[in-house]
N, C-alpha and C. Protein backbone atom coordinates (compact mmCIF):
# COMPACT_ATOMS: atom_id res chain seq x y z
N MET A 1 189.19 133.67 127.34
CA MET A 1 188.05 134.59 127.30
C MET A 1 187.53 134.70 125.87
N GLY A 2 188.44 134.74 124.87
CA GLY A 2 188.01 134.85 123.47
C GLY A 2 187.16 133.67 123.06
N ILE A 3 187.60 132.46 123.47
CA ILE A 3 186.84 131.26 123.12
C ILE A 3 185.45 131.28 123.77
N ALA A 4 185.43 131.68 125.06
CA ALA A 4 184.16 131.74 125.78
C ALA A 4 183.22 132.73 125.13
N HIS A 5 183.78 133.86 124.69
CA HIS A 5 182.95 134.88 124.05
C HIS A 5 182.34 134.35 122.76
N ARG A 6 183.15 133.58 121.96
CA ARG A 6 182.64 133.03 120.71
C ARG A 6 181.51 132.02 120.97
N TYR A 7 181.69 131.15 121.99
CA TYR A 7 180.64 130.17 122.33
C TYR A 7 179.35 130.86 122.77
N ALA A 8 179.51 131.98 123.49
CA ALA A 8 178.31 132.71 123.95
C ALA A 8 177.55 133.27 122.76
N ARG A 9 178.31 133.86 121.78
CA ARG A 9 177.64 134.40 120.59
C ARG A 9 176.97 133.29 119.80
N LEU A 10 177.67 132.11 119.69
CA LEU A 10 177.10 130.97 118.97
C LEU A 10 175.81 130.50 119.62
N GLY A 11 175.79 130.49 120.94
CA GLY A 11 174.60 130.06 121.68
C GLY A 11 173.43 130.97 121.40
N ARG A 12 173.73 132.33 121.42
CA ARG A 12 172.65 133.26 121.18
C ARG A 12 172.11 133.12 119.77
N THR A 13 172.98 132.81 118.79
CA THR A 13 172.56 132.64 117.39
C THR A 13 171.65 131.41 117.25
N VAL A 14 172.06 130.31 117.92
CA VAL A 14 171.26 129.08 117.86
C VAL A 14 169.88 129.29 118.47
N LEU A 15 169.84 129.98 119.62
CA LEU A 15 168.56 130.26 120.28
C LEU A 15 167.66 131.13 119.40
N ALA A 16 168.27 132.14 118.78
CA ALA A 16 167.50 133.04 117.92
C ALA A 16 166.92 132.28 116.73
N THR A 17 167.79 131.43 116.14
CA THR A 17 167.32 130.64 114.99
C THR A 17 166.19 129.70 115.40
N GLY A 18 166.33 129.07 116.54
CA GLY A 18 165.30 128.17 117.05
C GLY A 18 163.99 128.90 117.28
N ALA A 19 164.09 130.10 117.82
CA ALA A 19 162.88 130.89 118.08
C ALA A 19 162.17 131.23 116.79
N VAL A 20 162.95 131.60 115.75
CA VAL A 20 162.36 131.92 114.45
C VAL A 20 161.67 130.70 113.86
N LEU A 21 162.35 129.53 113.91
CA LEU A 21 161.76 128.31 113.37
C LEU A 21 160.50 127.91 114.12
N LEU A 22 160.54 128.10 115.45
CA LEU A 22 159.37 127.77 116.26
C LEU A 22 158.20 128.67 115.88
N ALA A 23 158.48 129.95 115.68
CA ALA A 23 157.42 130.91 115.31
C ALA A 23 156.82 130.54 113.96
N ILE A 24 157.69 130.16 113.01
CA ILE A 24 157.20 129.76 111.68
C ILE A 24 156.32 128.53 111.79
N GLY A 25 156.77 127.54 112.60
CA GLY A 25 156.00 126.31 112.78
C GLY A 25 154.65 126.58 113.38
N LEU A 26 154.60 127.45 114.40
CA LEU A 26 153.32 127.77 115.04
C LEU A 26 152.39 128.48 114.08
N THR A 27 152.95 129.38 113.26
CA THR A 27 152.13 130.10 112.29
C THR A 27 151.52 129.14 111.27
N ALA A 28 152.34 128.18 110.79
CA ALA A 28 151.88 127.20 109.82
C ALA A 28 150.76 126.34 110.40
N CYS A 29 150.96 125.91 111.67
CA CYS A 29 149.95 125.09 112.32
C CYS A 29 148.64 125.86 112.49
N SER A 30 148.77 127.12 112.87
CA SER A 30 147.59 127.96 113.06
C SER A 30 146.83 128.13 111.77
N SER A 31 147.59 128.32 110.65
CA SER A 31 146.97 128.51 109.34
C SER A 31 146.25 127.24 108.90
N THR A 32 146.93 126.07 109.13
CA THR A 32 146.32 124.80 108.75
C THR A 32 145.06 124.53 109.55
N THR A 33 145.12 124.81 110.86
CA THR A 33 143.95 124.60 111.71
C THR A 33 142.81 125.50 111.30
N SER A 34 143.16 126.77 110.96
CA SER A 34 142.14 127.72 110.55
C SER A 34 141.47 127.28 109.27
N GLN A 35 142.31 126.79 108.29
CA GLN A 35 141.75 126.33 107.03
C GLN A 35 140.87 125.11 107.24
N SER A 36 141.34 124.20 108.14
CA SER A 36 140.57 123.00 108.42
C SER A 36 139.24 123.36 109.05
N SER A 37 139.27 124.32 109.99
CA SER A 37 138.04 124.74 110.66
C SER A 37 137.09 125.38 109.67
N THR A 38 137.65 126.22 108.75
CA THR A 38 136.82 126.88 107.75
C THR A 38 136.18 125.88 106.82
N SER A 39 137.00 124.86 106.42
CA SER A 39 136.49 123.82 105.53
C SER A 39 135.36 123.05 106.20
N SER A 40 135.56 122.69 107.48
CA SER A 40 134.54 121.94 108.21
C SER A 40 133.28 122.76 108.34
N ALA A 41 133.44 124.04 108.63
CA ALA A 41 132.28 124.91 108.79
C ALA A 41 131.51 125.02 107.48
N SER A 42 132.27 125.08 106.36
CA SER A 42 131.62 125.19 105.06
C SER A 42 130.80 123.94 104.76
N VAL A 43 131.36 122.76 105.05
CA VAL A 43 130.65 121.51 104.80
C VAL A 43 129.40 121.44 105.66
N GLY A 44 129.54 121.82 106.93
CA GLY A 44 128.40 121.80 107.82
C GLY A 44 127.31 122.74 107.36
N ALA A 45 127.68 123.93 106.94
CA ALA A 45 126.70 124.90 106.47
C ALA A 45 125.99 124.40 105.23
N SER A 46 126.77 123.78 104.34
CA SER A 46 126.19 123.27 103.11
C SER A 46 125.16 122.18 103.42
N ALA A 47 125.49 121.32 104.39
CA ALA A 47 124.59 120.25 104.74
C ALA A 47 123.30 120.78 105.35
N VAL A 48 123.41 121.90 106.07
CA VAL A 48 122.24 122.45 106.74
C VAL A 48 121.34 123.22 105.77
N VAL A 49 121.96 124.04 104.92
CA VAL A 49 121.16 124.92 104.07
C VAL A 49 120.76 124.29 102.74
N SER A 50 121.32 123.12 102.44
CA SER A 50 120.98 122.50 101.16
C SER A 50 120.57 121.04 101.33
N PRO A 51 119.52 120.76 102.09
CA PRO A 51 119.07 119.36 102.26
C PRO A 51 118.27 118.92 101.06
N GLU A 52 118.95 118.80 99.89
CA GLU A 52 118.25 118.56 98.64
C GLU A 52 117.44 117.27 98.66
N ALA A 53 118.02 116.22 99.22
CA ALA A 53 117.30 114.94 99.21
C ALA A 53 116.00 115.05 99.98
N GLY A 54 116.05 115.69 101.14
CA GLY A 54 114.85 115.85 101.94
C GLY A 54 113.82 116.67 101.22
N MET A 55 114.25 117.74 100.54
CA MET A 55 113.32 118.60 99.83
C MET A 55 112.63 117.84 98.70
N MET A 56 113.39 117.00 98.02
CA MET A 56 112.83 116.28 96.89
C MET A 56 111.81 115.23 97.32
N SER A 57 111.99 114.68 98.54
CA SER A 57 111.10 113.61 98.97
C SER A 57 109.85 114.13 99.68
N ALA A 58 109.78 115.43 99.92
CA ALA A 58 108.62 115.98 100.61
C ALA A 58 107.38 115.91 99.73
N PRO A 59 106.22 115.51 100.30
CA PRO A 59 104.98 115.48 99.53
C PRO A 59 104.69 116.84 98.90
N ALA A 60 104.18 116.83 97.66
CA ALA A 60 104.00 118.08 96.91
C ALA A 60 102.67 118.77 97.17
N GLY A 61 101.69 118.10 97.80
CA GLY A 61 100.40 118.72 98.03
C GLY A 61 99.43 117.75 98.66
N THR A 62 98.18 118.16 98.76
CA THR A 62 97.16 117.30 99.35
C THR A 62 96.78 116.18 98.39
N ILE A 63 95.93 115.30 98.88
CA ILE A 63 95.45 114.19 98.05
C ILE A 63 94.80 114.71 96.77
N ILE A 64 94.01 115.77 96.89
CA ILE A 64 93.38 116.35 95.70
C ILE A 64 94.42 116.95 94.77
N ASP A 65 95.42 117.62 95.32
CA ASP A 65 96.49 118.19 94.48
C ASP A 65 97.20 117.09 93.70
N ILE A 66 97.55 116.02 94.40
CA ILE A 66 98.28 114.92 93.75
C ILE A 66 97.40 114.25 92.69
N ALA A 67 96.15 113.96 93.03
CA ALA A 67 95.25 113.30 92.07
C ALA A 67 95.01 114.18 90.85
N SER A 68 94.89 115.50 91.07
CA SER A 68 94.66 116.42 89.95
C SER A 68 95.84 116.47 89.00
N GLY A 69 97.03 116.17 89.50
CA GLY A 69 98.22 116.17 88.66
C GLY A 69 98.55 114.81 88.08
N THR A 70 97.68 113.83 88.29
CA THR A 70 97.90 112.48 87.79
C THR A 70 96.91 112.19 86.66
N PRO A 71 97.35 112.15 85.42
CA PRO A 71 96.44 112.00 84.27
C PRO A 71 95.47 110.82 84.38
N ASP A 72 95.92 109.70 84.92
CA ASP A 72 95.08 108.50 84.96
C ASP A 72 94.03 108.56 86.08
N LEU A 73 93.99 109.68 86.82
CA LEU A 73 93.00 109.83 87.89
C LEU A 73 92.04 111.00 87.61
N SER A 74 91.96 111.42 86.36
CA SER A 74 91.13 112.58 86.03
C SER A 74 89.64 112.32 86.27
N THR A 75 89.17 111.10 86.01
CA THR A 75 87.76 110.79 86.25
C THR A 75 87.46 110.82 87.74
N LEU A 76 88.37 110.32 88.55
CA LEU A 76 88.19 110.37 90.00
C LEU A 76 88.07 111.81 90.48
N VAL A 77 88.92 112.69 89.97
CA VAL A 77 88.88 114.10 90.37
C VAL A 77 87.55 114.72 89.98
N THR A 78 87.06 114.40 88.77
CA THR A 78 85.75 114.89 88.33
C THR A 78 84.65 114.40 89.27
N ALA A 79 84.72 113.14 89.65
CA ALA A 79 83.71 112.56 90.53
C ALA A 79 83.76 113.18 91.92
N VAL A 80 84.97 113.41 92.43
CA VAL A 80 85.13 114.02 93.76
C VAL A 80 84.52 115.43 93.77
N ASN A 81 84.73 116.17 92.70
CA ASN A 81 84.12 117.50 92.58
C ASN A 81 82.60 117.41 92.53
N ALA A 82 82.09 116.48 91.75
CA ALA A 82 80.64 116.33 91.61
C ALA A 82 79.98 115.91 92.92
N ALA A 83 80.73 115.15 93.73
CA ALA A 83 80.19 114.66 95.00
C ALA A 83 80.38 115.67 96.14
N GLY A 84 81.06 116.77 95.87
CA GLY A 84 81.29 117.78 96.91
C GLY A 84 82.26 117.34 97.99
N LEU A 85 83.25 116.52 97.60
CA LEU A 85 84.19 115.97 98.58
C LEU A 85 85.58 116.61 98.53
N VAL A 86 85.72 117.68 97.75
CA VAL A 86 87.03 118.31 97.61
C VAL A 86 87.54 118.81 98.95
N ASP A 87 86.71 119.52 99.69
CA ASP A 87 87.14 120.05 100.99
C ASP A 87 87.51 118.93 101.96
N THR A 88 86.77 117.84 101.90
CA THR A 88 87.07 116.70 102.78
C THR A 88 88.46 116.15 102.50
N LEU A 89 88.76 115.91 101.23
CA LEU A 89 90.05 115.31 100.88
C LEU A 89 91.19 116.32 100.83
N ASN A 90 90.85 117.59 101.01
CA ASN A 90 91.88 118.61 101.20
C ASN A 90 92.13 118.88 102.68
N GLY A 91 91.35 118.20 103.53
CA GLY A 91 91.44 118.40 104.97
C GLY A 91 92.70 117.80 105.57
N ALA A 92 92.82 117.95 106.89
CA ALA A 92 94.04 117.52 107.58
C ALA A 92 94.27 116.02 107.50
N GLY A 93 93.16 115.25 107.52
CA GLY A 93 93.32 113.80 107.45
C GLY A 93 94.03 113.26 108.69
N PRO A 94 94.94 112.31 108.53
CA PRO A 94 95.33 111.74 107.24
C PRO A 94 94.33 110.71 106.72
N PHE A 95 94.38 110.51 105.40
CA PHE A 95 93.51 109.55 104.73
C PHE A 95 94.33 108.59 103.88
N THR A 96 93.80 107.39 103.72
CA THR A 96 94.32 106.45 102.73
C THR A 96 93.25 106.31 101.67
N VAL A 97 93.58 106.67 100.44
CA VAL A 97 92.60 106.64 99.34
C VAL A 97 92.95 105.54 98.35
N PHE A 98 92.01 104.66 98.11
CA PHE A 98 92.14 103.65 97.06
C PHE A 98 91.49 104.25 95.82
N ALA A 99 92.33 104.71 94.90
CA ALA A 99 91.87 105.54 93.78
C ALA A 99 91.71 104.75 92.49
N PRO A 100 90.48 104.58 92.01
CA PRO A 100 90.28 103.87 90.73
C PRO A 100 90.83 104.70 89.56
N THR A 101 91.40 104.01 88.60
CA THR A 101 91.91 104.67 87.40
C THR A 101 90.75 105.08 86.49
N ASP A 102 91.07 105.89 85.50
CA ASP A 102 90.07 106.26 84.48
C ASP A 102 89.51 105.00 83.82
N GLU A 103 90.37 104.04 83.55
CA GLU A 103 89.95 102.79 82.90
C GLU A 103 88.99 102.01 83.81
N ALA A 104 89.24 102.08 85.12
CA ALA A 104 88.35 101.39 86.07
C ALA A 104 86.95 102.00 86.04
N PHE A 105 86.86 103.32 86.00
CA PHE A 105 85.54 103.97 85.91
C PHE A 105 84.87 103.64 84.59
N ALA A 106 85.67 103.59 83.52
CA ALA A 106 85.12 103.29 82.20
C ALA A 106 84.57 101.88 82.11
N ALA A 107 85.05 100.99 83.00
CA ALA A 107 84.61 99.60 82.99
C ALA A 107 83.27 99.40 83.69
N LEU A 108 82.75 100.46 84.32
CA LEU A 108 81.41 100.36 84.92
C LEU A 108 80.38 100.12 83.82
N PRO A 109 79.25 99.52 84.15
CA PRO A 109 78.21 99.30 83.13
C PRO A 109 77.86 100.59 82.40
N ALA A 110 77.49 100.45 81.16
CA ALA A 110 77.19 101.62 80.32
C ALA A 110 76.17 102.54 80.98
N GLY A 111 76.50 103.82 81.00
CA GLY A 111 75.58 104.82 81.52
C GLY A 111 75.71 105.09 83.01
N VAL A 112 76.36 104.20 83.76
CA VAL A 112 76.43 104.35 85.22
C VAL A 112 77.24 105.58 85.63
N LEU A 113 78.39 105.76 85.02
CA LEU A 113 79.22 106.90 85.41
C LEU A 113 78.51 108.22 85.11
N ASP A 114 77.94 108.34 83.94
CA ASP A 114 77.22 109.57 83.58
C ASP A 114 76.09 109.84 84.56
N ALA A 115 75.39 108.76 84.94
CA ALA A 115 74.28 108.91 85.89
C ALA A 115 74.79 109.34 87.26
N LEU A 116 75.89 108.78 87.70
CA LEU A 116 76.44 109.12 89.02
C LEU A 116 76.88 110.57 89.09
N LEU A 117 77.29 111.13 87.97
CA LEU A 117 77.76 112.52 87.95
C LEU A 117 76.63 113.54 87.91
N MET A 118 75.38 113.04 87.80
CA MET A 118 74.24 113.95 87.80
C MET A 118 73.96 114.44 89.22
N PRO A 119 73.52 115.70 89.36
CA PRO A 119 73.26 116.26 90.70
C PRO A 119 72.31 115.42 91.55
N GLU A 120 71.31 114.82 90.93
CA GLU A 120 70.34 114.04 91.70
C GLU A 120 70.93 112.77 92.32
N ASN A 121 72.09 112.34 91.83
CA ASN A 121 72.74 111.15 92.37
C ASN A 121 74.00 111.48 93.18
N LYS A 122 74.08 112.73 93.63
CA LYS A 122 75.25 113.18 94.37
C LYS A 122 75.50 112.36 95.63
N ASP A 123 74.43 112.05 96.36
CA ASP A 123 74.59 111.30 97.61
C ASP A 123 75.12 109.89 97.36
N THR A 124 74.61 109.26 96.30
CA THR A 124 75.08 107.91 95.96
C THR A 124 76.55 107.94 95.55
N LEU A 125 76.92 108.94 94.76
CA LEU A 125 78.31 109.08 94.33
C LEU A 125 79.23 109.31 95.53
N ALA A 126 78.80 110.17 96.46
CA ALA A 126 79.61 110.44 97.66
C ALA A 126 79.77 109.17 98.49
N LYS A 127 78.71 108.38 98.55
CA LYS A 127 78.76 107.12 99.30
C LYS A 127 79.78 106.16 98.69
N ILE A 128 79.78 106.07 97.36
CA ILE A 128 80.72 105.18 96.67
C ILE A 128 82.16 105.67 96.87
N LEU A 129 82.36 106.96 96.70
CA LEU A 129 83.72 107.49 96.80
C LEU A 129 84.29 107.38 98.21
N THR A 130 83.48 107.68 99.23
CA THR A 130 83.99 107.59 100.61
C THR A 130 84.21 106.13 101.02
N TYR A 131 83.61 105.20 100.28
CA TYR A 131 83.87 103.78 100.51
C TYR A 131 85.30 103.42 100.08
N HIS A 132 85.90 104.28 99.29
CA HIS A 132 87.29 104.08 98.84
C HIS A 132 88.30 104.74 99.77
N VAL A 133 87.84 105.33 100.85
CA VAL A 133 88.73 106.10 101.73
C VAL A 133 88.75 105.48 103.13
N VAL A 134 89.96 105.27 103.64
CA VAL A 134 90.15 104.72 104.99
C VAL A 134 90.83 105.77 105.85
N PRO A 135 90.36 105.97 107.07
CA PRO A 135 91.02 106.93 107.97
C PRO A 135 92.45 106.50 108.28
N GLY A 136 93.36 107.46 108.41
CA GLY A 136 94.75 107.16 108.72
C GLY A 136 95.59 107.01 107.46
N LYS A 137 96.88 106.97 107.64
CA LYS A 137 97.82 106.81 106.53
C LYS A 137 98.42 105.43 106.60
N VAL A 138 98.03 104.56 105.67
CA VAL A 138 98.48 103.17 105.67
C VAL A 138 99.29 102.91 104.39
N MET A 139 100.58 102.69 104.55
CA MET A 139 101.43 102.37 103.41
C MET A 139 101.21 100.91 103.02
N ALA A 140 101.52 100.58 101.78
CA ALA A 140 101.27 99.23 101.27
C ALA A 140 101.96 98.16 102.12
N ALA A 141 103.17 98.45 102.57
CA ALA A 141 103.92 97.48 103.37
C ALA A 141 103.28 97.22 104.73
N ASP A 142 102.41 98.13 105.17
CA ASP A 142 101.78 98.00 106.48
C ASP A 142 100.39 97.37 106.42
N VAL A 143 99.92 97.06 105.21
CA VAL A 143 98.60 96.46 105.05
C VAL A 143 98.61 95.03 105.60
N THR A 144 97.58 94.70 106.35
CA THR A 144 97.43 93.34 106.85
C THR A 144 96.07 92.80 106.40
N ASP A 145 95.95 91.50 106.32
CA ASP A 145 94.71 90.88 105.88
C ASP A 145 93.59 91.13 106.89
N GLY A 146 92.40 91.41 106.36
CA GLY A 146 91.26 91.61 107.23
C GLY A 146 90.40 92.77 106.80
N SER A 147 89.42 93.09 107.63
CA SER A 147 88.48 94.16 107.32
C SER A 147 88.89 95.45 108.01
N VAL A 148 88.62 96.56 107.35
CA VAL A 148 88.92 97.87 107.92
C VAL A 148 87.77 98.82 107.58
N ALA A 149 87.39 99.64 108.56
CA ALA A 149 86.28 100.57 108.36
C ALA A 149 86.67 101.70 107.42
N THR A 150 85.74 102.11 106.58
CA THR A 150 85.98 103.21 105.65
C THR A 150 85.34 104.49 106.18
N VAL A 151 85.63 105.59 105.52
CA VAL A 151 85.01 106.86 105.87
C VAL A 151 83.50 106.79 105.64
N GLU A 152 83.07 105.99 104.68
CA GLU A 152 81.65 105.82 104.38
C GLU A 152 80.93 105.16 105.56
N GLY A 153 81.64 104.33 106.32
CA GLY A 153 81.05 103.69 107.49
C GLY A 153 81.09 102.18 107.44
N GLN A 154 81.00 101.61 106.26
CA GLN A 154 81.09 100.17 106.11
C GLN A 154 82.56 99.77 105.93
N SER A 155 82.81 98.47 105.97
CA SER A 155 84.19 97.99 105.91
C SER A 155 84.54 97.40 104.55
N VAL A 156 85.81 97.52 104.20
CA VAL A 156 86.35 96.86 103.02
C VAL A 156 87.27 95.74 103.49
N THR A 157 87.50 94.78 102.62
CA THR A 157 88.36 93.65 102.95
C THR A 157 89.70 93.80 102.25
N LEU A 158 90.75 93.82 103.03
CA LEU A 158 92.11 93.94 102.49
C LEU A 158 92.78 92.57 102.47
N SER A 159 93.60 92.34 101.45
CA SER A 159 94.32 91.08 101.34
C SER A 159 95.72 91.33 100.79
N THR A 160 96.66 90.51 101.22
CA THR A 160 98.04 90.63 100.73
C THR A 160 98.51 89.30 100.11
N SER A 161 97.57 88.41 99.83
CA SER A 161 97.95 87.08 99.33
C SER A 161 98.52 87.12 97.91
N ASN A 162 98.10 88.10 97.13
CA ASN A 162 98.61 88.23 95.76
C ASN A 162 98.77 89.72 95.45
N GLY A 163 99.75 90.34 96.09
CA GLY A 163 99.84 91.79 96.05
C GLY A 163 98.82 92.34 97.03
N VAL A 164 98.59 93.62 97.00
CA VAL A 164 97.59 94.22 97.89
C VAL A 164 96.29 94.39 97.11
N THR A 165 95.20 93.89 97.68
CA THR A 165 93.89 94.07 97.07
C THR A 165 92.91 94.63 98.10
N VAL A 166 91.90 95.33 97.60
CA VAL A 166 90.84 95.87 98.45
C VAL A 166 89.51 95.50 97.81
N ASP A 167 88.73 94.68 98.52
CA ASP A 167 87.47 94.15 97.97
C ASP A 167 87.69 93.55 96.57
N GLY A 168 88.82 92.92 96.36
CA GLY A 168 89.12 92.26 95.10
C GLY A 168 89.80 93.13 94.05
N ALA A 169 89.79 94.45 94.24
CA ALA A 169 90.49 95.36 93.30
C ALA A 169 91.97 95.38 93.65
N THR A 170 92.82 95.31 92.64
CA THR A 170 94.26 95.23 92.85
C THR A 170 94.91 96.61 92.89
N VAL A 171 95.80 96.79 93.85
CA VAL A 171 96.59 98.02 93.90
C VAL A 171 97.67 97.93 92.82
N VAL A 172 97.57 98.80 91.82
CA VAL A 172 98.52 98.77 90.70
C VAL A 172 99.66 99.77 90.89
N THR A 173 99.41 100.83 91.63
CA THR A 173 100.46 101.81 91.96
C THR A 173 100.29 102.19 93.42
N PRO A 174 101.17 101.68 94.29
CA PRO A 174 101.02 101.96 95.71
C PRO A 174 101.80 103.20 96.16
N ASP A 175 101.46 103.66 97.36
CA ASP A 175 102.28 104.62 98.11
C ASP A 175 102.58 105.94 97.40
N ILE A 176 101.56 106.57 96.82
CA ILE A 176 101.73 107.92 96.30
C ILE A 176 101.43 108.88 97.46
N GLU A 177 102.48 109.39 98.06
CA GLU A 177 102.30 110.17 99.29
C GLU A 177 101.82 111.59 99.02
N ALA A 178 100.96 112.06 99.90
CA ALA A 178 100.45 113.43 99.88
C ALA A 178 100.69 114.03 101.26
N SER A 179 100.49 115.32 101.37
CA SER A 179 100.73 115.97 102.66
C SER A 179 99.70 115.55 103.71
N ASN A 180 98.55 115.05 103.28
CA ASN A 180 97.52 114.64 104.22
C ASN A 180 97.12 113.17 104.07
N GLY A 181 98.06 112.36 103.58
CA GLY A 181 97.77 110.94 103.48
C GLY A 181 98.51 110.25 102.36
N VAL A 182 97.90 109.20 101.83
CA VAL A 182 98.55 108.42 100.77
C VAL A 182 97.49 107.89 99.81
N ILE A 183 97.88 107.77 98.55
CA ILE A 183 97.00 107.24 97.50
C ILE A 183 97.55 105.89 97.03
N HIS A 184 96.65 104.91 96.93
CA HIS A 184 96.98 103.64 96.29
C HIS A 184 96.06 103.52 95.06
N VAL A 185 96.61 103.51 93.88
CA VAL A 185 95.81 103.42 92.66
C VAL A 185 95.35 101.98 92.46
N ILE A 186 94.04 101.81 92.20
CA ILE A 186 93.49 100.46 92.02
C ILE A 186 92.85 100.32 90.64
N ASP A 187 92.65 99.06 90.24
CA ASP A 187 92.21 98.78 88.87
C ASP A 187 90.70 98.56 88.72
N ALA A 188 89.93 98.85 89.76
CA ALA A 188 88.48 98.67 89.67
C ALA A 188 87.79 99.60 90.66
N VAL A 189 86.53 99.93 90.35
CA VAL A 189 85.71 100.70 91.28
C VAL A 189 85.06 99.71 92.24
N ILE A 190 85.20 99.94 93.55
CA ILE A 190 84.57 99.05 94.52
C ILE A 190 83.28 99.71 95.02
N LEU A 191 82.29 98.88 95.34
CA LEU A 191 80.96 99.40 95.69
C LEU A 191 80.54 98.93 97.08
N PRO A 192 79.95 99.83 97.86
CA PRO A 192 79.40 99.41 99.15
C PRO A 192 78.37 98.32 98.94
N PRO A 193 78.24 97.38 99.88
CA PRO A 193 77.29 96.26 99.71
C PRO A 193 75.85 96.69 99.52
N ASP A 194 75.49 97.86 100.06
CA ASP A 194 74.08 98.29 99.97
C ASP A 194 73.82 99.25 98.81
N VAL A 195 74.76 99.36 97.88
CA VAL A 195 74.54 100.21 96.70
C VAL A 195 74.30 99.33 95.48
N ASP A 196 73.17 99.56 94.84
CA ASP A 196 72.80 98.82 93.63
C ASP A 196 72.83 99.80 92.46
N ILE A 197 73.80 99.59 91.57
CA ILE A 197 73.94 100.52 90.44
C ILE A 197 73.17 100.07 89.21
N SER A 198 72.51 98.93 89.31
CA SER A 198 71.81 98.43 88.12
C SER A 198 70.73 99.38 87.63
N SER A 199 70.14 100.12 88.56
CA SER A 199 69.09 101.06 88.18
C SER A 199 69.65 102.26 87.43
N LEU A 200 70.98 102.45 87.53
CA LEU A 200 71.62 103.58 86.85
C LEU A 200 72.13 103.19 85.47
N SER A 201 72.10 101.91 85.16
CA SER A 201 72.63 101.46 83.88
C SER A 201 71.75 101.92 82.73
N ALA A 202 72.40 102.10 81.58
CA ALA A 202 71.65 102.51 80.37
C ALA A 202 70.74 101.37 79.94
N ALA A 203 69.57 101.67 79.49
CA ALA A 203 68.62 100.64 79.06
C ALA A 203 69.13 99.99 77.78
C-alpha cells in the first residue's frame, strides 16, 4: 500500500507539472500570435495610409498650371492668356499639347510674336495655338505615324522615324503629365497651312 501511495502522489505531481508547462506553452504561443498579428496589421495600415509613391506620381495640376511652372514655357503661357484660351486648357479635356519653347517662339520672324500678342490679332493667335492641341491624352510611346485632327480643326502630321515629330517640329521633352492631359515640349512653332505670318513680320 505504501508503494502504491507513493506512485499515486508521483503521478499527480507529473500531471500537475505537465499542466503548468502546457499552460506556459499556450500563453507563449498566444503572445507570439498576437505580436505577429499586430505587426501584420501595422504593416498593412502603413501601406494603406502612406502610399508615398502614388502621391508623388500624381499630376500636380492642369496643363496651364504645369506650363506656368515651367520656365521654358513662359512665352506659351503669355500667348495662351492673350488668346483667351486659359479656360479651355484648364477644362476637363483631356488634351495633348505640343508646347513650343521660349526659344521656338523667339525663332519666329522678327516682329511676328509681338504682332500676334496684339488684341487685333487674337483670333490668329488662337488659331495657331489650338493647332498645337490634339484631343485626348496621347503619350509619346503611343504616337503612330500619320495625320491627326487638332482642336483648331486641321490636321498635323506625326512621325516616329527619328524620335517623335509633329509637322517637322521635334519633341524635346515628352510626357509631362497634367491632371487634364499631357504636354510634349517641341522645338519649333508649327503653323496651320492657311495662316500666313509674313504680313506680321517687321518691315
